Amino acid sequence: MPYVLLLHGHMGAPPPHWQSWLAHELADTGYVVEVPQLSEPDRPQVDVWLGELRHHLEAAPADDERIVLAHSCGAALWLHHAAQLVDTEHHQLRFDRALLVSPPGPRWQHPDVHGFAPAPLDPAGVRRAAGWTQLVVGDDDVACSVDEAVDMASALKIDLDIIPGGAHLDGSAGYGPWPAVRDWVADRHTRMVTNR
């Protein structure tokens, strides 16, 4: 079965966050799911998280499809990772698919979050990191405007889904159970839609 890595953002992804829901949904149907708790989620530092991410990527099973779903600062983390990935190592660390959910925009700031924004927009790096990468944002996310998301997707040359009223696409925005994200794991052609 495919291996699925869920990367949380600032403050983690406790219930009712969709990542907690998705981990149980996928595990119940036989997927190999990893939900690492990255260091100090309330005060994340990108360099620390990059080292931890690399450890998980190196340990990921390589004999089936490998999928990453990253939320918020976790999505920014993936973009930092992609920009640092060099040709000689990308085959070992490469994933098949990546879904980047609600990455912070370039102007987003938080006093406890260090080094994540602006995330590097390296289209070649994104292709080295994963065979297919997709972006999804809410049209009213205070951390990333639609214009910023469109610019990000354009610079990275990746697909973008915009969800009306999705806000930051987290538990407080009503994104606990989110069938579309489960369906995307099964089929990357699934469009991201509201859970309502």
C-alpha atoms as a PDB file:
ATOM      1  CA  MET A   1       0.000   0.000   0.000  1.00  0.00           C
ATOM      2  CA  PRO A   2       1.117   3.582  -0.521  1.00  0.00           C
ATOM      3  CA  TYR A   3       3.098   5.387   2.160  1.00  0.00           C
ATOM      4  CA  VAL A   4       1.576   8.694   3.281  1.00  0.00           C
ATOM      5  CA  LEU A   5       3.511  11.330   5.215  1.00  0.00           C
ATOM      6  CA  LEU A   6       1.493  14.091   6.899  1.00  0.00           C
ATOM      7  CA  LEU A   7       3.400  17.271   7.749  1.00  0.00           C
ATOM      8  CA  HIS A   8       1.708  19.547  10.252  1.00  0.00           C
ATOM      9  CA  GLY A   9       2.112  23.299  10.535  1.00  0.00           C
ATOM     10  CA  HIS A  10       2.495  25.790  13.362  1.00  0.00           C
ATOM     11  CA  MET A  11       0.849  24.434  16.543  1.00  0.00           C
ATOM     12  CA  GLY A  12       0.584  20.905  15.114  1.00  0.00           C
ATOM     13  CA  ALA A  13      -2.582  19.252  13.849  1.00  0.00           C
ATOM     14  CA  PRO A  14      -4.595  17.980  16.834  1.00  0.00           C
ATOM     15  CA  PRO A  15      -8.242  16.953  16.371  1.00  0.00           C
ATOM     16  CA  PRO A  16     -10.424  18.219  14.818  1.00  0.00           C
ATOM     17  CA  HIS A  17      -7.766  18.991  12.177  1.00  0.00           C
ATOM     18  CA  TRP A  18      -8.212  17.125   8.868  1.00  0.00           C
ATOM     19  CA  GLN A  19      -4.741  15.583   9.181  1.00  0.00           C
ATOM     20  CA  SER A  20      -5.789  13.752  12.354  1.00  0.00           C
ATOM     21  CA  TRP A  21      -8.977  12.574  10.657  1.00  0.00           C
ATOM     22  CA  LEU A  22      -7.123  11.563   7.480  1.00  0.00           C
ATOM     23  CA  ALA A  23      -4.477   9.570   9.354  1.00  0.00           C
ATOM     24  CA  HIS A  24      -7.180   7.353  10.884  1.00  0.00           C
ATOM     25  CA  GLU A  25      -9.139   7.078   7.625  1.00  0.00           C
ATOM     26  CA  LEU A  26      -6.086   5.944   5.663  1.00  0.00           C
ATOM     27  CA  ALA A  27      -4.731   3.633   8.358  1.00  0.00           C
ATOM     28  CA  ASP A  28      -8.136   1.934   8.563  1.00  0.00           C
ATOM     29  CA  THR A  29      -7.960   1.127   4.844  1.00  0.00           C
ATOM     30  CA  GLY A  30      -4.416  -0.257   4.986  1.00  0.00           C
ATOM     31  CA  TYR A  31      -2.245   2.690   4.039  1.00  0.00           C
ATOM     32  CA  VAL A  32       1.092   3.107   5.782  1.00  0.00           C
ATOM     33  CA  VAL A  33       0.692   6.509   7.451  1.00  0.00           C
ATOM     34  CA  GLU A  34       3.273   8.545   9.311  1.00  0.00           C
ATOM     35  CA  VAL A  35       2.376  11.680  11.272  1.00  0.00           C
ATOM     36  CA  PRO A  36       5.632  12.918  12.776  1.00  0.00           C
ATOM     37  CA  GLN A  37       5.466  15.394  15.628  1.00  0.00           C
ATOM     38  CA  LEU A  38       8.044  17.982  14.581  1.00  0.00           C
ATOM     39  CA  SER A  39      10.001  19.795  17.292  1.00  0.00           C
ATOM     40  CA  GLU A  40       8.370  22.632  19.199  1.00  0.00           C
ATOM     41  CA  PRO A  41       5.346  23.117  16.930  1.00  0.00           C
ATOM     42  CA  ASP A  42       4.416  26.231  18.900  1.00  0.00           C
ATOM     43  CA  ARG A  43       7.836  27.797  18.150  1.00  0.00           C
ATOM     44  CA  PRO A  44       9.008  26.115  14.930  1.00  0.00           C
ATOM     45  CA  GLN A  45      12.382  26.792  13.337  1.00  0.00           C
ATOM     46  CA  VAL A  46      12.736  25.868   9.685  1.00  0.00           C
ATOM     47  CA  ASP A  47      16.303  24.554   9.956  1.00  0.00           C
ATOM     48  CA  VAL A  48      15.351  22.175  12.765  1.00  0.00           C
ATOM     49  CA  TRP A  49      12.295  20.944  10.897  1.00  0.00           C
ATOM     50  CA  LEU A  50      14.303  20.463   7.684  1.00  0.00           C
ATOM     51  CA  GLY A  51      16.632  18.070   9.467  1.00  0.00           C
ATOM     52  CA  GLU A  52      13.716  16.146  10.913  1.00  0.00           C
ATOM     53  CA  LEU A  53      11.921  16.021   7.561  1.00  0.00           C
ATOM     54  CA  ARG A  54      15.021  14.652   5.862  1.00  0.00           C
ATOM     55  CA  HIS A  55      15.236  11.884   8.463  1.00  0.00           C
ATOM     56  CA  HIS A  56      11.634  10.850   7.732  1.00  0.00           C
ATOM     57  CA  LEU A  57      12.161  10.983   3.964  1.00  0.00           C
ATOM     58  CA  GLU A  58      15.277   8.834   4.184  1.00  0.00           C
ATOM     59  CA  ALA A  59      13.427   6.278   6.325  1.00  0.00           C
ATOM     60  CA  ALA A  60      10.325   6.155   4.111  1.00  0.00           C
ATOM     61  CA  PRO A  61       9.689   2.817   2.384  1.00  0.00           C
ATOM     62  CA  ALA A  62      10.660   2.942  -1.270  1.00  0.00           C
ATOM     63  CA  ASP A  63       8.767  -0.022  -2.703  1.00  0.00           C
ATOM     64  CA  ASP A  64       5.377   1.633  -3.249  1.00  0.00           C
ATOM     65  CA  GLU A  65       3.883   5.036  -4.013  1.00  0.00           C
ATOM     66  CA  ARG A  66       5.011   7.769  -1.612  1.00  0.00           C
ATOM     67  CA  ILE A  67       2.690  10.698  -0.917  1.00  0.00           C
ATOM     68  CA  VAL A  68       3.112  13.784   1.261  1.00  0.00           C
ATOM     69  CA  LEU A  69       0.303  16.070   2.437  1.00  0.00           C
ATOM     70  CA  ALA A  70       1.577  19.202   4.128  1.00  0.00           C
ATOM     71  CA  HIS A  71      -0.398  21.948   5.843  1.00  0.00           C
ATOM     72  CA  SER A  72       0.557  25.592   6.475  1.00  0.00           C
ATOM     73  CA  CYS A  73       4.149  25.822   7.733  1.00  0.00           C
ATOM     74  CA  GLY A  74       4.504  22.161   6.792  1.00  0.00           C
ATOM     75  CA  ALA A  75       3.807  23.165   3.181  1.00  0.00           C
ATOM     76  CA  ALA A  76       6.393  25.941   3.436  1.00  0.00           C
ATOM     77  CA  LEU A  77       8.797  23.374   4.904  1.00  0.00           C
ATOM     78  CA  TRP A  78       8.319  21.186   1.827  1.00  0.00           C
ATOM     79  CA  LEU A  79       9.163  24.136  -0.443  1.00  0.00           C
ATOM     80  CA  HIS A  80      12.345  24.839   1.554  1.00  0.00           C
ATOM     81  CA  HIS A  81      13.260  21.158   1.294  1.00  0.00           C
ATOM     82  CA  ALA A  82      12.619  21.138  -2.459  1.00  0.00           C
ATOM     83  CA  ALA A  83      14.808  24.197  -3.012  1.00  0.00           C
ATOM     84  CA  GLN A  84      17.723  22.542  -1.174  1.00  0.00           C
ATOM     85  CA  LEU A  85      17.451  19.154  -2.862  1.00  0.00           C
ATOM     86  CA  VAL A  86      20.353  18.437  -5.211  1.00  0.00           C
ATOM     87  CA  ASP A  87      20.340  16.162  -8.245  1.00  0.00           C
ATOM     88  CA  THR A  88      22.604  13.539  -6.706  1.00  0.00           C
ATOM     89  CA  GLU A  89      20.193  12.765  -3.878  1.00  0.00           C
ATOM     90  CA  HIS A  90      16.760  13.431  -5.273  1.00  0.00           C
ATOM     91  CA  HIS A  91      16.116   9.850  -6.438  1.00  0.00           C
ATOM     92  CA  GLN A  92      16.461   8.532  -2.887  1.00  0.00           C
ATOM     93  CA  LEU A  93      14.301  11.271  -1.345  1.00  0.00           C
ATOM     94  CA  ARG A  94      11.818  11.857  -4.174  1.00  0.00           C
ATOM     95  CA  PHE A  95       8.120  11.356  -3.487  1.00  0.00           C
ATOM     96  CA  ASP A  96       5.491  10.569  -6.089  1.00  0.00           C
ATOM     97  CA  ARG A  97       3.016  13.256  -5.044  1.00  0.00           C
ATOM     98  CA  ALA A  98       2.763  16.287  -2.789  1.00  0.00           C
ATOM     99  CA  LEU A  99      -0.322  18.235  -1.752  1.00  0.00           C
ATOM    100  CA  LEU A 100       0.516  21.634  -0.267  1.00  0.00           C
ATOM    101  CA  VAL A 101      -2.411  22.975   1.771  1.00  0.00           C
ATOM    102  CA  SER A 102      -2.570  26.637   2.841  1.00  0.00           C
ATOM    103  CA  PRO A 103       1.128  27.567   2.766  1.00  0.00           C
ATOM    104  CA  PRO A 104       1.737  31.001   4.278  1.00  0.00           C
ATOM    105  CA  GLY A 105       2.160  33.792   1.766  1.00  0.00           C
ATOM    106  CA  PRO A 106       5.442  35.693   1.368  1.00  0.00           C
ATOM    107  CA  ARG A 107       4.377  38.543   3.649  1.00  0.00           C
ATOM    108  CA  TRP A 108       3.023  36.359   6.461  1.00  0.00           C
ATOM    109  CA  GLN A 109       4.764  36.790   9.804  1.00  0.00           C
ATOM    110  CA  HIS A 110       4.364  35.325  13.268  1.00  0.00           C
ATOM    111  CA  PRO A 111       6.630  36.152  16.206  1.00  0.00           C
ATOM    112  CA  ASP A 112       7.048  32.479  17.163  1.00  0.00           C
ATOM    113  CA  VAL A 113       7.667  31.109  13.655  1.00  0.00           C
ATOM    114  CA  HIS A 114      11.208  31.382  12.333  1.00  0.00           C
ATOM    115  CA  GLY A 115      12.458  31.083   8.764  1.00  0.00           C
ATOM    116  CA  PHE A 116       9.419  29.653   6.973  1.00  0.00           C
ATOM    117  CA  ALA A 117       8.188  32.696   5.028  1.00  0.00           C
ATOM    118  CA  PRO A 118       8.812  33.652   2.373  1.00  0.00           C
ATOM    119  CA  ALA A 119       9.169  30.102   1.125  1.00  0.00           C
ATOM    120  CA  PRO A 120      11.482  29.628  -1.866  1.00  0.00           C
ATOM    121  CA  LEU A 121       9.660  29.125  -5.158  1.00  0.00           C
ATOM    122  CA  ASP A 122      11.948  26.767  -7.076  1.00  0.00           C
ATOM    123  CA  PRO A 123      10.035  24.950  -9.843  1.00  0.00           C
ATOM    124  CA  ALA A 124      12.955  22.639 -10.683  1.00  0.00           C
ATOM    125  CA  GLY A 125      13.364  21.780  -7.002  1.00  0.00           C
ATOM    126  CA  VAL A 126       9.658  21.038  -6.651  1.00  0.00           C
ATOM    127  CA  ARG A 127       9.948  18.601  -9.573  1.00  0.00           C
ATOM    128  CA  ARG A 128      12.982  16.952  -8.009  1.00  0.00           C
ATOM    129  CA  ALA A 129      11.121  16.574  -4.708  1.00  0.00           C
ATOM    130  CA  ALA A 130       7.918  15.032  -6.128  1.00  0.00           C
ATOM    131  CA  GLY A 131       6.574  13.806  -9.425  1.00  0.00           C
ATOM    132  CA  TRP A 132       3.341  15.750  -8.992  1.00  0.00           C
ATOM    133  CA  THR A 133       2.718  18.735  -6.741  1.00  0.00           C
ATOM    134  CA  GLN A 134      -0.589  20.487  -6.173  1.00  0.00           C
ATOM    135  CA  LEU A 135      -1.571  23.554  -4.142  1.00  0.00           C
ATOM    136  CA  VAL A 136      -4.887  24.224  -2.406  1.00  0.00           C
ATOM    137  CA  VAL A 137      -5.915  27.358  -0.503  1.00  0.00           C
ATOM    138  CA  GLY A 138      -9.025  29.018   0.862  1.00  0.00           C
ATOM    139  CA  ASP A 139     -10.023  32.255  -0.851  1.00  0.00           C
ATOM    140  CA  ASP A 140     -10.228  34.063   2.489  1.00  0.00           C
ATOM    141  CA  ASP A 141      -7.078  32.805   4.224  1.00  0.00           C
ATOM    142  CA  VAL A 142      -5.510  35.615   6.248  1.00  0.00           C
ATOM    143  CA  ALA A 143      -2.095  33.914   5.929  1.00  0.00           C
ATOM    144  CA  CYS A 144      -2.122  33.836   2.112  1.00  0.00           C
ATOM    145  CA  SER A 145      -4.211  35.908  -0.282  1.00  0.00           C
ATOM    146  CA  VAL A 146      -5.591  34.448  -3.507  1.00  0.00           C
ATOM    147  CA  ASP A 147      -3.220  36.679  -5.485  1.00  0.00           C
ATOM    148  CA  GLU A 148      -0.262  35.336  -3.502  1.00  0.00           C
ATOM    149  CA  ALA A 149      -1.437  31.763  -4.041  1.00  0.00           C
ATOM    150  CA  VAL A 150      -1.875  32.342  -7.781  1.00  0.00           C
ATOM    151  CA  ASP A 151       1.629  33.842  -7.973  1.00  0.00           C
ATOM    152  CA  MET A 152       3.025  30.889  -6.016  1.00  0.00           C
ATOM    153  CA  ALA A 153       1.365  28.290  -8.248  1.00  0.00           C
ATOM    154  CA  SER A 154       2.432  30.158 -11.378  1.00  0.00           C
ATOM    155  CA  ALA A 155       6.052  30.443 -10.241  1.00  0.00           C
ATOM    156  CA  LEU A 156       6.151  26.754  -9.308  1.00  0.00           C
ATOM    157  CA  LYS A 157       4.209  25.669 -12.443  1.00  0.00           C
ATOM    158  CA  ILE A 158       1.773  23.561 -10.391  1.00  0.00           C
ATOM    159  CA  ASP A 159      -2.008  23.151 -10.208  1.00  0.00           C
ATOM    160  CA  LEU A 160      -3.996  25.324  -7.801  1.00  0.00           C
ATOM    161  CA  ASP A 161      -7.428  24.718  -6.283  1.00  0.00           C
ATOM    162  CA  ILE A 162      -9.120  27.646  -4.513  1.00  0.00           C
ATOM    163  CA  ILE A 163     -11.869  26.825  -2.032  1.00  0.00           C
ATOM    164  CA  PRO A 164     -14.476  29.544  -1.416  1.00  0.00           C
ATOM    165  CA  GLY A 165     -14.768  30.312   2.285  1.00  0.00           C
ATOM    166  CA  GLY A 166     -12.095  27.760   3.188  1.00  0.00           C
ATOM    167  CA  ALA A 167     -10.067  30.169   5.341  1.00  0.00           C
ATOM    168  CA  HIS A 168      -6.881  28.375   6.524  1.00  0.00           C
ATOM    169  CA  LEU A 169      -8.340  24.919   5.757  1.00  0.00           C
ATOM    170  CA  ASP A 170      -7.850  23.743   9.326  1.00  0.00           C
ATOM    171  CA  GLY A 171      -9.985  22.452  12.165  1.00  0.00           C
ATOM    172  CA  SER A 172     -11.188  25.883  13.219  1.00  0.00           C
ATOM    173  CA  ALA A 173     -12.378  26.493   9.640  1.00  0.00           C
ATOM    174  CA  GLY A 174     -14.429  23.303   9.754  1.00  0.00           C
ATOM    175  CA  TYR A 175     -11.887  21.046   8.051  1.00  0.00           C
ATOM    176  CA  GLY A 176     -11.939  17.982  10.245  1.00  0.00           C
ATOM    177  CA  PRO A 177     -13.476  15.304   8.029  1.00  0.00           C
ATOM    178  CA  TRP A 178     -12.553  16.282   4.456  1.00  0.00           C
ATOM    179  CA  PRO A 179     -13.509  13.537   2.003  1.00  0.00           C
ATOM    180  CA  ALA A 180     -11.894  15.265  -0.988  1.00  0.00           C
ATOM    181  CA  VAL A 181      -8.444  15.060   0.560  1.00  0.00           C
ATOM    182  CA  ARG A 182      -8.909  11.333   1.203  1.00  0.00           C
ATOM    183  CA  ASP A 183     -10.080  10.931  -2.399  1.00  0.00           C
ATOM    184  CA  TRP A 184      -7.005  12.826  -3.632  1.00  0.00           C
ATOM    185  CA  VAL A 185      -4.736  10.287  -1.924  1.00  0.00           C
ATOM    186  CA  ALA A 186      -6.456   7.586  -3.987  1.00  0.00           C
ATOM    187  CA  ASP A 187      -6.492   9.665  -7.201  1.00  0.00           C
ATOM    188  CA  ARG A 188      -4.438  12.813  -7.790  1.00  0.00           C
ATOM    189  CA  HIS A 189      -6.959  14.018 -10.370  1.00  0.00           C
ATOM    190  CA  THR A 190      -9.474  14.652  -7.584  1.00  0.00           C
ATOM    191  CA  ARG A 191     -10.253  18.349  -7.286  1.00  0.00           C
ATOM    192  CA  MET A 192     -10.064  19.834  -3.840  1.00  0.00           C
ATOM    193  CA  VAL A 193     -13.507  20.983  -2.792  1.00  0.00           C
ATOM    194  CA  THR A 194     -15.193  22.336   0.300  1.00  0.00           C
ATOM    195  CA  ASN A 195     -16.206  19.858   2.973  1.00  0.00           C
ATOM    196  CA  ARG A 196     -19.622  21.413   3.363  1.00  0.00           C
END
